[in-house]
Amino acid sequence: MPKAVVRFVDGMQFVGSADSGHGVVMDAPQPVGGNNTGSKPMELLLMGLGGCTGMDVISIMRKKKQDVAGLEINVFGKQAEEHPHKYTSLQIEYVVKGRNISEDALQRAIQLSLEKYCSVGATLSGTAEITHSYRIMQEE
């Protein structure tokens, strides 16, 4: 079973690590007692979703022999007004750069990620509506 450990440092700063051993600094902005020295936990959810689906998409595109030179995933989250301010909707924008990128291949890679492979997306989909869009930037 995967495990994460989050340790209090000072003020509102915490450092988390998981089985991989890599650390992540989390903090709150100054108005709520933090010093803004790390990402906010809700930001990490957005990054986790982007990383999860991004790894799927790049892997699938490579298997489809697509010449991807760059992939950027922009994840936008809309939060509820009332506590606990959970995400109610998430919008994922994939920006793919490369040569002769097939739109069909990209659409299929995104579909497979969001419907089958991305565990972060599957976890969040029960709470928030997840939509997506993409842009292809063809290079010479």
N, C-alpha and C. Protein backbone atom coordinates (compact mmCIF):
# COMPACT_ATOMS: atom_id res chain seq x y z
N MET A 1 0.85 -1.18 0.00
CA MET A 1 0.00 0.00 0.00
C MET A 1 0.90 1.25 0.00
N PRO A 2 0.69 2.17 -0.96
CA PRO A 2 1.50 3.39 -0.98
C PRO A 2 1.32 4.21 0.29
N LYS A 3 2.38 4.90 0.66
CA LYS A 3 2.35 5.68 1.89
C LYS A 3 3.00 7.04 1.67
N ALA A 4 2.43 8.06 2.28
CA ALA A 4 3.02 9.39 2.31
C ALA A 4 3.15 9.82 3.76
N VAL A 5 4.21 10.58 4.04
CA VAL A 5 4.43 11.14 5.37
C VAL A 5 4.53 12.64 5.21
N VAL A 6 3.78 13.39 6.01
CA VAL A 6 3.80 14.84 5.97
C VAL A 6 4.19 15.32 7.37
N ARG A 7 5.27 16.11 7.41
CA ARG A 7 5.79 16.58 8.71
C ARG A 7 5.70 18.11 8.79
N PHE A 8 5.23 18.56 9.94
CA PHE A 8 5.18 19.99 10.24
C PHE A 8 6.59 20.53 10.41
N VAL A 9 6.86 21.71 9.82
CA VAL A 9 8.17 22.34 9.95
C VAL A 9 8.06 23.55 10.86
N ASP A 10 7.29 24.58 10.42
CA ASP A 10 7.17 25.81 11.20
C ASP A 10 6.08 26.66 10.57
N GLY A 11 5.46 27.53 11.34
CA GLY A 11 4.40 28.39 10.80
C GLY A 11 3.27 27.55 10.26
N MET A 12 3.12 27.53 8.94
CA MET A 12 2.15 26.67 8.26
C MET A 12 2.86 25.79 7.23
N GLN A 13 4.18 25.66 7.36
CA GLN A 13 4.96 24.89 6.39
C GLN A 13 5.03 23.42 6.80
N PHE A 14 4.83 22.56 5.81
CA PHE A 14 4.94 21.12 5.97
C PHE A 14 5.81 20.58 4.84
N VAL A 15 6.49 19.48 5.09
CA VAL A 15 7.23 18.79 4.04
C VAL A 15 6.69 17.38 3.95
N GLY A 16 6.30 17.00 2.75
CA GLY A 16 5.77 15.66 2.52
C GLY A 16 6.73 14.85 1.68
N SER A 17 6.71 13.55 1.92
CA SER A 17 7.46 12.62 1.07
C SER A 17 6.66 11.33 1.00
N ALA A 18 6.94 10.57 -0.04
CA ALA A 18 6.23 9.31 -0.23
C ALA A 18 7.24 8.21 -0.52
N ASP A 19 6.77 7.09 -1.00
CA ASP A 19 7.62 5.93 -1.22
C ASP A 19 8.83 6.22 -2.12
N SER A 20 8.70 7.16 -3.05
CA SER A 20 9.81 7.48 -3.94
C SER A 20 10.94 8.20 -3.22
N GLY A 21 10.63 8.78 -2.05
CA GLY A 21 11.65 9.46 -1.26
C GLY A 21 11.82 10.94 -1.58
N HIS A 22 11.12 11.43 -2.59
CA HIS A 22 11.24 12.84 -2.96
C HIS A 22 10.38 13.71 -2.05
N GLY A 23 10.90 14.87 -1.69
CA GLY A 23 10.18 15.77 -0.81
C GLY A 23 9.42 16.85 -1.55
N VAL A 24 8.33 17.30 -0.95
CA VAL A 24 7.51 18.38 -1.48
C VAL A 24 7.24 19.34 -0.33
N VAL A 25 7.52 20.62 -0.55
CA VAL A 25 7.26 21.63 0.47
C VAL A 25 5.87 22.21 0.23
N MET A 26 5.10 22.27 1.30
CA MET A 26 3.77 22.87 1.25
C MET A 26 3.71 24.00 2.26
N ASP A 27 3.01 25.06 1.90
CA ASP A 27 2.87 26.19 2.80
C ASP A 27 1.60 26.94 2.44
N ALA A 28 1.21 27.82 3.31
CA ALA A 28 0.05 28.68 3.08
C ALA A 28 0.55 30.09 2.81
N PRO A 29 -0.28 30.92 2.19
CA PRO A 29 0.11 32.32 1.99
C PRO A 29 0.17 33.06 3.33
N GLN A 30 0.84 34.19 3.33
CA GLN A 30 1.03 34.95 4.56
C GLN A 30 -0.25 35.37 5.26
N PRO A 31 -1.30 35.75 4.53
CA PRO A 31 -2.50 36.19 5.25
C PRO A 31 -3.11 35.12 6.16
N VAL A 32 -2.80 33.85 5.93
CA VAL A 32 -3.38 32.80 6.78
C VAL A 32 -2.31 32.12 7.62
N GLY A 33 -1.22 32.82 7.90
CA GLY A 33 -0.22 32.31 8.83
C GLY A 33 0.98 31.63 8.22
N GLY A 34 1.03 31.53 6.91
CA GLY A 34 2.17 30.90 6.27
C GLY A 34 3.16 31.92 5.76
N ASN A 35 4.19 31.42 5.11
CA ASN A 35 5.20 32.30 4.52
C ASN A 35 5.33 32.11 3.01
N ASN A 36 4.40 31.37 2.43
CA ASN A 36 4.37 31.15 0.98
C ASN A 36 5.68 30.55 0.46
N THR A 37 6.21 29.55 1.18
CA THR A 37 7.48 28.93 0.81
C THR A 37 7.31 27.64 0.02
N GLY A 38 6.07 27.28 -0.26
CA GLY A 38 5.82 26.05 -1.01
C GLY A 38 4.45 26.09 -1.65
N SER A 39 4.14 25.03 -2.36
CA SER A 39 2.84 24.93 -3.01
C SER A 39 1.75 24.69 -1.99
N LYS A 40 0.55 25.17 -2.32
CA LYS A 40 -0.61 24.88 -1.49
C LYS A 40 -1.09 23.47 -1.83
N PRO A 41 -1.63 22.74 -0.87
CA PRO A 41 -2.08 21.37 -1.15
C PRO A 41 -3.05 21.25 -2.32
N MET A 42 -3.95 22.20 -2.49
CA MET A 42 -4.89 22.12 -3.61
C MET A 42 -4.19 22.33 -4.95
N GLU A 43 -3.09 23.10 -4.95
CA GLU A 43 -2.29 23.24 -6.16
C GLU A 43 -1.63 21.91 -6.52
N LEU A 44 -1.21 21.18 -5.50
CA LEU A 44 -0.57 19.89 -5.73
C LEU A 44 -1.54 18.89 -6.37
N LEU A 45 -2.83 19.00 -6.04
CA LEU A 45 -3.83 18.15 -6.70
C LEU A 45 -3.87 18.44 -8.20
N LEU A 46 -3.84 19.73 -8.56
CA LEU A 46 -3.84 20.09 -9.98
C LEU A 46 -2.58 19.57 -10.67
N MET A 47 -1.44 19.74 -10.02
CA MET A 47 -0.18 19.25 -10.59
C MET A 47 -0.18 17.73 -10.71
N GLY A 48 -0.73 17.06 -9.71
CA GLY A 48 -0.80 15.60 -9.75
C GLY A 48 -1.64 15.11 -10.91
N LEU A 49 -2.77 15.78 -11.14
CA LEU A 49 -3.63 15.41 -12.27
C LEU A 49 -2.90 15.65 -13.59
N GLY A 50 -2.25 16.80 -13.73
CA GLY A 50 -1.51 17.11 -14.95
C GLY A 50 -0.38 16.13 -15.19
N GLY A 51 0.35 15.79 -14.14
CA GLY A 51 1.45 14.85 -14.28
C GLY A 51 0.98 13.45 -14.64
N CYS A 52 -0.09 13.02 -14.01
CA CYS A 52 -0.62 11.68 -14.25
C CYS A 52 -1.09 11.52 -15.69
N THR A 53 -1.93 12.42 -16.15
CA THR A 53 -2.45 12.31 -17.51
C THR A 53 -1.35 12.60 -18.53
N GLY A 54 -0.43 13.51 -18.19
CA GLY A 54 0.67 13.81 -19.09
C GLY A 54 1.57 12.61 -19.34
N MET A 55 1.87 11.85 -18.28
CA MET A 55 2.70 10.65 -18.44
C MET A 55 2.00 9.62 -19.33
N ASP A 56 0.69 9.49 -19.15
CA ASP A 56 -0.08 8.58 -20.01
C ASP A 56 -0.02 9.02 -21.46
N VAL A 57 -0.33 10.29 -21.70
CA VAL A 57 -0.42 10.80 -23.07
C VAL A 57 0.93 10.69 -23.77
N ILE A 58 2.02 11.06 -23.12
CA ILE A 58 3.32 11.00 -23.79
C ILE A 58 3.70 9.55 -24.07
N SER A 59 3.39 8.65 -23.17
CA SER A 59 3.69 7.24 -23.37
C SER A 59 2.90 6.67 -24.56
N ILE A 60 1.61 6.99 -24.62
CA ILE A 60 0.76 6.49 -25.72
C ILE A 60 1.20 7.10 -27.05
N MET A 61 1.51 8.38 -27.05
CA MET A 61 1.95 9.03 -28.29
C MET A 61 3.26 8.42 -28.79
N ARG A 62 4.16 8.08 -27.90
CA ARG A 62 5.41 7.42 -28.31
C ARG A 62 5.12 6.06 -28.92
N LYS A 63 4.21 5.31 -28.30
CA LYS A 63 3.85 3.99 -28.84
C LYS A 63 3.21 4.13 -30.22
N LYS A 64 2.54 5.26 -30.46
CA LYS A 64 1.91 5.50 -31.76
C LYS A 64 2.90 6.13 -32.74
N LYS A 65 4.19 6.16 -32.35
CA LYS A 65 5.27 6.68 -33.21
C LYS A 65 5.06 8.14 -33.60
N GLN A 66 4.48 8.92 -32.69
CA GLN A 66 4.29 10.34 -32.94
C GLN A 66 5.55 11.10 -32.52
N ASP A 67 5.96 12.06 -33.33
CA ASP A 67 7.18 12.82 -33.10
C ASP A 67 6.88 14.03 -32.20
N VAL A 68 6.66 13.75 -30.92
CA VAL A 68 6.31 14.79 -29.95
C VAL A 68 7.60 15.43 -29.43
N ALA A 69 7.71 16.74 -29.61
CA ALA A 69 8.88 17.47 -29.13
C ALA A 69 8.60 18.15 -27.80
N GLY A 70 7.33 18.34 -27.47
CA GLY A 70 6.98 19.01 -26.22
C GLY A 70 5.53 18.75 -25.86
N LEU A 71 5.27 18.70 -24.57
CA LEU A 71 3.90 18.52 -24.08
C LEU A 71 3.74 19.37 -22.83
N GLU A 72 2.75 20.24 -22.86
CA GLU A 72 2.43 21.06 -21.69
C GLU A 72 0.99 20.78 -21.33
N ILE A 73 0.75 20.57 -20.06
CA ILE A 73 -0.61 20.32 -19.59
C ILE A 73 -0.98 21.46 -18.64
N ASN A 74 -2.00 22.21 -19.01
CA ASN A 74 -2.51 23.29 -18.16
C ASN A 74 -3.77 22.77 -17.48
N VAL A 75 -3.80 22.82 -16.17
CA VAL A 75 -4.95 22.32 -15.42
C VAL A 75 -5.55 23.48 -14.63
N PHE A 76 -6.82 23.74 -14.86
CA PHE A 76 -7.54 24.82 -14.20
C PHE A 76 -8.61 24.21 -13.29
N GLY A 77 -8.67 24.66 -12.07
CA GLY A 77 -9.66 24.14 -11.15
C GLY A 77 -10.59 25.21 -10.64
N LYS A 78 -11.88 24.90 -10.63
CA LYS A 78 -12.88 25.81 -10.05
C LYS A 78 -13.29 25.21 -8.71
N GLN A 79 -13.18 26.04 -7.67
CA GLN A 79 -13.49 25.56 -6.32
C GLN A 79 -14.83 26.08 -5.84
N ALA A 80 -15.46 25.30 -4.97
CA ALA A 80 -16.73 25.69 -4.36
C ALA A 80 -16.51 26.92 -3.48
N GLU A 81 -17.52 27.75 -3.39
CA GLU A 81 -17.45 28.96 -2.56
C GLU A 81 -17.38 28.64 -1.07
N GLU A 82 -18.08 27.59 -0.66
CA GLU A 82 -18.16 27.26 0.77
C GLU A 82 -17.14 26.15 1.13
N HIS A 83 -16.85 26.10 2.40
CA HIS A 83 -15.92 25.08 2.90
C HIS A 83 -16.49 23.70 2.65
N PRO A 84 -15.68 22.77 2.24
CA PRO A 84 -14.22 22.76 2.25
C PRO A 84 -13.57 23.25 0.95
N HIS A 85 -14.24 24.03 0.16
CA HIS A 85 -13.70 24.60 -1.09
C HIS A 85 -13.16 23.53 -2.04
N LYS A 86 -13.88 22.43 -2.12
CA LYS A 86 -13.44 21.34 -3.01
C LYS A 86 -13.55 21.79 -4.47
N TYR A 87 -12.79 21.11 -5.33
CA TYR A 87 -12.90 21.39 -6.76
C TYR A 87 -14.24 20.86 -7.24
N THR A 88 -14.96 21.71 -7.96
CA THR A 88 -16.24 21.30 -8.54
C THR A 88 -16.07 20.99 -10.03
N SER A 89 -15.07 21.62 -10.65
CA SER A 89 -14.78 21.32 -12.05
C SER A 89 -13.29 21.50 -12.30
N LEU A 90 -12.79 20.69 -13.22
CA LEU A 90 -11.39 20.73 -13.61
C LEU A 90 -11.32 20.74 -15.13
N GLN A 91 -10.53 21.65 -15.67
CA GLN A 91 -10.35 21.76 -17.12
C GLN A 91 -8.89 21.47 -17.42
N ILE A 92 -8.65 20.49 -18.28
CA ILE A 92 -7.29 20.12 -18.67
C ILE A 92 -7.08 20.55 -20.12
N GLU A 93 -6.01 21.31 -20.36
CA GLU A 93 -5.64 21.71 -21.71
C GLU A 93 -4.29 21.09 -22.04
N TYR A 94 -4.26 20.30 -23.10
CA TYR A 94 -3.03 19.67 -23.57
C TYR A 94 -2.48 20.50 -24.73
N VAL A 95 -1.23 20.89 -24.64
CA VAL A 95 -0.57 21.62 -25.73
C VAL A 95 0.59 20.75 -26.20
N VAL A 96 0.44 20.23 -27.41
CA VAL A 96 1.41 19.28 -27.96
C VAL A 96 2.18 19.96 -29.08
N LYS A 97 3.51 19.86 -29.00
CA LYS A 97 4.38 20.39 -30.05
C LYS A 97 5.11 19.22 -30.70
N GLY A 98 5.23 19.28 -32.02
CA GLY A 98 5.96 18.23 -32.71
C GLY A 98 5.76 18.29 -34.21
N ARG A 99 6.27 17.26 -34.87
CA ARG A 99 6.18 17.19 -36.32
C ARG A 99 5.16 16.14 -36.73
N ASN A 100 4.28 16.53 -37.66
CA ASN A 100 3.29 15.62 -38.21
C ASN A 100 2.46 14.92 -37.13
N ILE A 101 2.07 15.66 -36.11
CA ILE A 101 1.27 15.10 -35.02
C ILE A 101 -0.13 14.79 -35.56
N SER A 102 -0.56 13.56 -35.35
CA SER A 102 -1.89 13.14 -35.77
C SER A 102 -2.92 13.55 -34.72
N GLU A 103 -3.92 14.30 -35.17
CA GLU A 103 -4.99 14.71 -34.25
C GLU A 103 -5.73 13.49 -33.72
N ASP A 104 -5.97 12.50 -34.57
CA ASP A 104 -6.64 11.27 -34.12
C ASP A 104 -5.83 10.54 -33.04
N ALA A 105 -4.52 10.46 -33.24
CA ALA A 105 -3.67 9.80 -32.25
C ALA A 105 -3.71 10.53 -30.91
N LEU A 106 -3.67 11.87 -30.97
CA LEU A 106 -3.73 12.66 -29.73
C LEU A 106 -5.07 12.49 -29.04
N GLN A 107 -6.15 12.58 -29.79
CA GLN A 107 -7.48 12.41 -29.19
C GLN A 107 -7.60 11.05 -28.50
N ARG A 108 -7.10 10.01 -29.15
CA ARG A 108 -7.16 8.66 -28.57
C ARG A 108 -6.30 8.56 -27.32
N ALA A 109 -5.12 9.16 -27.35
CA ALA A 109 -4.23 9.12 -26.18
C ALA A 109 -4.89 9.80 -24.99
N ILE A 110 -5.50 10.95 -25.22
CA ILE A 110 -6.19 11.67 -24.14
C ILE A 110 -7.37 10.85 -23.63
N GLN A 111 -8.14 10.28 -24.54
CA GLN A 111 -9.29 9.46 -24.14
C GLN A 111 -8.86 8.28 -23.28
N LEU A 112 -7.82 7.57 -23.71
CA LEU A 112 -7.33 6.42 -22.94
C LEU A 112 -6.85 6.85 -21.56
N SER A 113 -6.15 7.97 -21.51
CA SER A 113 -5.68 8.45 -20.22
C SER A 113 -6.84 8.75 -19.28
N LEU A 114 -7.78 9.55 -19.76
CA LEU A 114 -8.86 10.01 -18.88
C LEU A 114 -9.89 8.93 -18.58
N GLU A 115 -10.07 7.96 -19.46
CA GLU A 115 -11.10 6.94 -19.23
C GLU A 115 -10.55 5.63 -18.67
N LYS A 116 -9.23 5.40 -18.80
CA LYS A 116 -8.72 4.10 -18.42
C LYS A 116 -7.50 4.13 -17.50
N TYR A 117 -6.54 4.99 -17.75
CA TYR A 117 -5.24 4.87 -17.09
C TYR A 117 -4.95 5.84 -15.95
N CYS A 118 -5.41 7.08 -16.02
CA CYS A 118 -5.00 8.09 -15.03
C CYS A 118 -5.73 7.89 -13.70
N SER A 119 -5.02 7.38 -12.73
CA SER A 119 -5.63 7.10 -11.42
C SER A 119 -6.01 8.38 -10.68
N VAL A 120 -5.26 9.46 -10.88
CA VAL A 120 -5.61 10.72 -10.23
C VAL A 120 -6.92 11.24 -10.80
N GLY A 121 -7.06 11.21 -12.11
CA GLY A 121 -8.30 11.64 -12.74
C GLY A 121 -9.48 10.79 -12.30
N ALA A 122 -9.27 9.48 -12.22
CA ALA A 122 -10.34 8.59 -11.78
C ALA A 122 -10.76 8.90 -10.35
N THR A 123 -9.80 9.24 -9.51
CA THR A 123 -10.10 9.57 -8.11
C THR A 123 -10.88 10.88 -8.02
N LEU A 124 -10.47 11.88 -8.78
CA LEU A 124 -11.12 13.19 -8.71
C LEU A 124 -12.44 13.25 -9.46
N SER A 125 -12.65 12.35 -10.42
CA SER A 125 -13.86 12.42 -11.25
C SER A 125 -15.13 12.18 -10.44
N GLY A 126 -15.04 11.54 -9.30
CA GLY A 126 -16.20 11.35 -8.46
C GLY A 126 -16.62 12.61 -7.73
N THR A 127 -15.74 13.60 -7.70
CA THR A 127 -16.00 14.85 -6.99
C THR A 127 -16.18 16.04 -7.91
N ALA A 128 -15.40 16.06 -8.98
CA ALA A 128 -15.41 17.22 -9.88
C ALA A 128 -15.64 16.76 -11.31
N GLU A 129 -16.29 17.61 -12.08
CA GLU A 129 -16.46 17.36 -13.51
C GLU A 129 -15.12 17.66 -14.18
N ILE A 130 -14.62 16.73 -14.98
CA ILE A 130 -13.35 16.92 -15.68
C ILE A 130 -13.62 17.05 -17.17
N THR A 131 -13.19 18.17 -17.75
CA THR A 131 -13.30 18.39 -19.18
C THR A 131 -11.89 18.63 -19.72
N HIS A 132 -11.77 18.56 -21.04
CA HIS A 132 -10.44 18.77 -21.62
C HIS A 132 -10.53 19.41 -22.99
N SER A 133 -9.41 19.95 -23.40
CA SER A 133 -9.23 20.50 -24.74
C SER A 133 -7.78 20.27 -25.11
N TYR A 134 -7.45 20.51 -26.38
CA TYR A 134 -6.06 20.33 -26.80
C TYR A 134 -5.73 21.29 -27.92
N ARG A 135 -4.46 21.55 -28.06
CA ARG A 135 -3.92 22.34 -29.17
C ARG A 135 -2.71 21.60 -29.70
N ILE A 136 -2.56 21.57 -30.99
CA ILE A 136 -1.39 20.98 -31.63
C ILE A 136 -0.61 22.09 -32.28
N MET A 137 0.66 22.19 -31.96
CA MET A 137 1.55 23.18 -32.55
C MET A 137 2.55 22.42 -33.42
N GLN A 138 2.24 22.37 -34.70
CA GLN A 138 3.08 21.63 -35.64
C GLN A 138 4.39 22.38 -35.86
N GLU A 139 5.48 21.65 -35.85
CA GLU A 139 6.79 22.23 -36.11
C GLU A 139 7.29 21.76 -37.47
N GLU A 140 8.15 22.53 -38.07
CA GLU A 140 8.74 22.17 -39.37
C GLU A 140 9.81 21.11 -39.19
